[in-house]
Amino acid sequence: MAGDQNERDATGVQLMASAYKRWQSMPPVMLDLSRPDAWIVRVGLQTAVAHPLVSGGPMSKRNWAT
């Protein structure tokens, strides 16, 4: 069962690496958010990179350089 999870993690990382390569050549996305909405997005992003249960997931193992 642990092998299945590792395989899914590796597949997820490969998919995201492929997507980021494609996204690098695209123009930036412009967002128009109210202050409360922007604050909620910021808190969510901070949680995604700092929370131990989230930051230890497959996206924390990605290799952005490849």
C-alpha atoms as a PDB file:
ATOM      1  CA  MET A   1       0.000   0.000   0.000  1.00  0.00           C
ATOM      2  CA  ALA A   2       2.874   2.392   0.729  1.00  0.00           C
ATOM      3  CA  GLY A   3       4.233   1.655  -2.754  1.00  0.00           C
ATOM      4  CA  ASP A   4       0.926   2.739  -4.270  1.00  0.00           C
ATOM      5  CA  GLN A   5       1.065   6.051  -2.396  1.00  0.00           C
ATOM      6  CA  ASN A   6       4.666   6.659  -3.485  1.00  0.00           C
ATOM      7  CA  GLU A   7       3.713   5.881  -7.084  1.00  0.00           C
ATOM      8  CA  ARG A   8       0.776   8.327  -6.933  1.00  0.00           C
ATOM      9  CA  ASP A   9       3.026  10.970  -5.381  1.00  0.00           C
ATOM     10  CA  ALA A  10       5.612  10.518  -8.130  1.00  0.00           C
ATOM     11  CA  THR A  11       2.933  10.717 -10.821  1.00  0.00           C
ATOM     12  CA  GLY A  12       1.507  13.904  -9.277  1.00  0.00           C
ATOM     13  CA  VAL A  13       4.933  15.509  -9.149  1.00  0.00           C
ATOM     14  CA  GLN A  14       5.607  14.570 -12.786  1.00  0.00           C
ATOM     15  CA  LEU A  15       2.278  16.050 -13.879  1.00  0.00           C
ATOM     16  CA  MET A  16       2.908  19.309 -12.029  1.00  0.00           C
ATOM     17  CA  ALA A  17       6.473  19.581 -13.377  1.00  0.00           C
ATOM     18  CA  SER A  18       5.116  19.125 -16.904  1.00  0.00           C
ATOM     19  CA  ALA A  19       2.414  21.745 -16.300  1.00  0.00           C
ATOM     20  CA  TYR A  20       4.912  24.283 -14.936  1.00  0.00           C
ATOM     21  CA  LYS A  21       7.104  23.848 -18.014  1.00  0.00           C
ATOM     22  CA  ARG A  22       4.103  24.653 -20.228  1.00  0.00           C
ATOM     23  CA  TRP A  23       2.997  27.571 -18.032  1.00  0.00           C
ATOM     24  CA  GLN A  24       6.416  29.256 -18.160  1.00  0.00           C
ATOM     25  CA  SER A  25       5.809  30.359 -21.751  1.00  0.00           C
ATOM     26  CA  MET A  26       2.341  31.769 -21.046  1.00  0.00           C
ATOM     27  CA  PRO A  27       1.603  35.400 -20.190  1.00  0.00           C
ATOM     28  CA  PRO A  28       0.905  36.373 -16.564  1.00  0.00           C
ATOM     29  CA  VAL A  29      -2.613  36.116 -15.205  1.00  0.00           C
ATOM     30  CA  MET A  30      -4.126  39.333 -13.869  1.00  0.00           C
ATOM     31  CA  LEU A  31      -6.400  39.067 -10.832  1.00  0.00           C
ATOM     32  CA  ASP A  32      -8.728  41.647  -9.375  1.00  0.00           C
ATOM     33  CA  LEU A  33      -9.467  40.812  -5.738  1.00  0.00           C
ATOM     34  CA  SER A  34     -10.955  42.725  -2.870  1.00  0.00           C
ATOM     35  CA  ARG A  35      -8.741  43.077   0.206  1.00  0.00           C
ATOM     36  CA  PRO A  36     -10.612  40.407   2.206  1.00  0.00           C
ATOM     37  CA  ASP A  37     -10.438  37.966  -0.709  1.00  0.00           C
ATOM     38  CA  ALA A  38      -6.735  38.663  -1.248  1.00  0.00           C
ATOM     39  CA  TRP A  39      -6.118  38.103   2.472  1.00  0.00           C
ATOM     40  CA  ILE A  40      -7.902  34.738   2.344  1.00  0.00           C
ATOM     41  CA  VAL A  41      -5.827  33.665  -0.681  1.00  0.00           C
ATOM     42  CA  ARG A  42      -2.639  34.726   1.115  1.00  0.00           C
ATOM     43  CA  VAL A  43      -3.541  32.785   4.253  1.00  0.00           C
ATOM     44  CA  GLY A  44      -4.339  29.714   2.148  1.00  0.00           C
ATOM     45  CA  LEU A  45      -1.013  29.901   0.331  1.00  0.00           C
ATOM     46  CA  GLN A  46       0.903  30.380   3.577  1.00  0.00           C
ATOM     47  CA  THR A  47      -0.862  27.343   5.027  1.00  0.00           C
ATOM     48  CA  ALA A  48      -0.031  25.292   1.939  1.00  0.00           C
ATOM     49  CA  VAL A  49       3.695  25.891   2.365  1.00  0.00           C
ATOM     50  CA  ALA A  50       3.931  25.950   6.168  1.00  0.00           C
ATOM     51  CA  HIS A  51       1.407  23.495   7.625  1.00  0.00           C
ATOM     52  CA  PRO A  52       3.145  20.202   8.511  1.00  0.00           C
ATOM     53  CA  LEU A  53       0.279  18.037   7.238  1.00  0.00           C
ATOM     54  CA  VAL A  54       0.177  19.878   3.906  1.00  0.00           C
ATOM     55  CA  SER A  55       3.790  20.853   3.288  1.00  0.00           C
ATOM     56  CA  GLY A  56       4.984  17.257   3.631  1.00  0.00           C
ATOM     57  CA  GLY A  57       2.815  16.114   0.713  1.00  0.00           C
ATOM     58  CA  PRO A  58       3.850  15.258  -2.828  1.00  0.00           C
ATOM     59  CA  MET A  59       4.119  18.895  -3.932  1.00  0.00           C
ATOM     60  CA  SER A  60       6.804  19.515  -1.309  1.00  0.00           C
ATOM     61  CA  LYS A  61       8.937  16.907  -3.100  1.00  0.00           C
ATOM     62  CA  ARG A  62       8.750  18.599  -6.487  1.00  0.00           C
ATOM     63  CA  ASN A  63      11.837  19.634  -8.410  1.00  0.00           C
ATOM     64  CA  TRP A  64      11.080  22.983 -10.063  1.00  0.00           C
ATOM     65  CA  ALA A  65      14.394  23.058 -11.956  1.00  0.00           C
ATOM     66  CA  THR A  66      13.518  20.100 -14.189  1.00  0.00           C
END
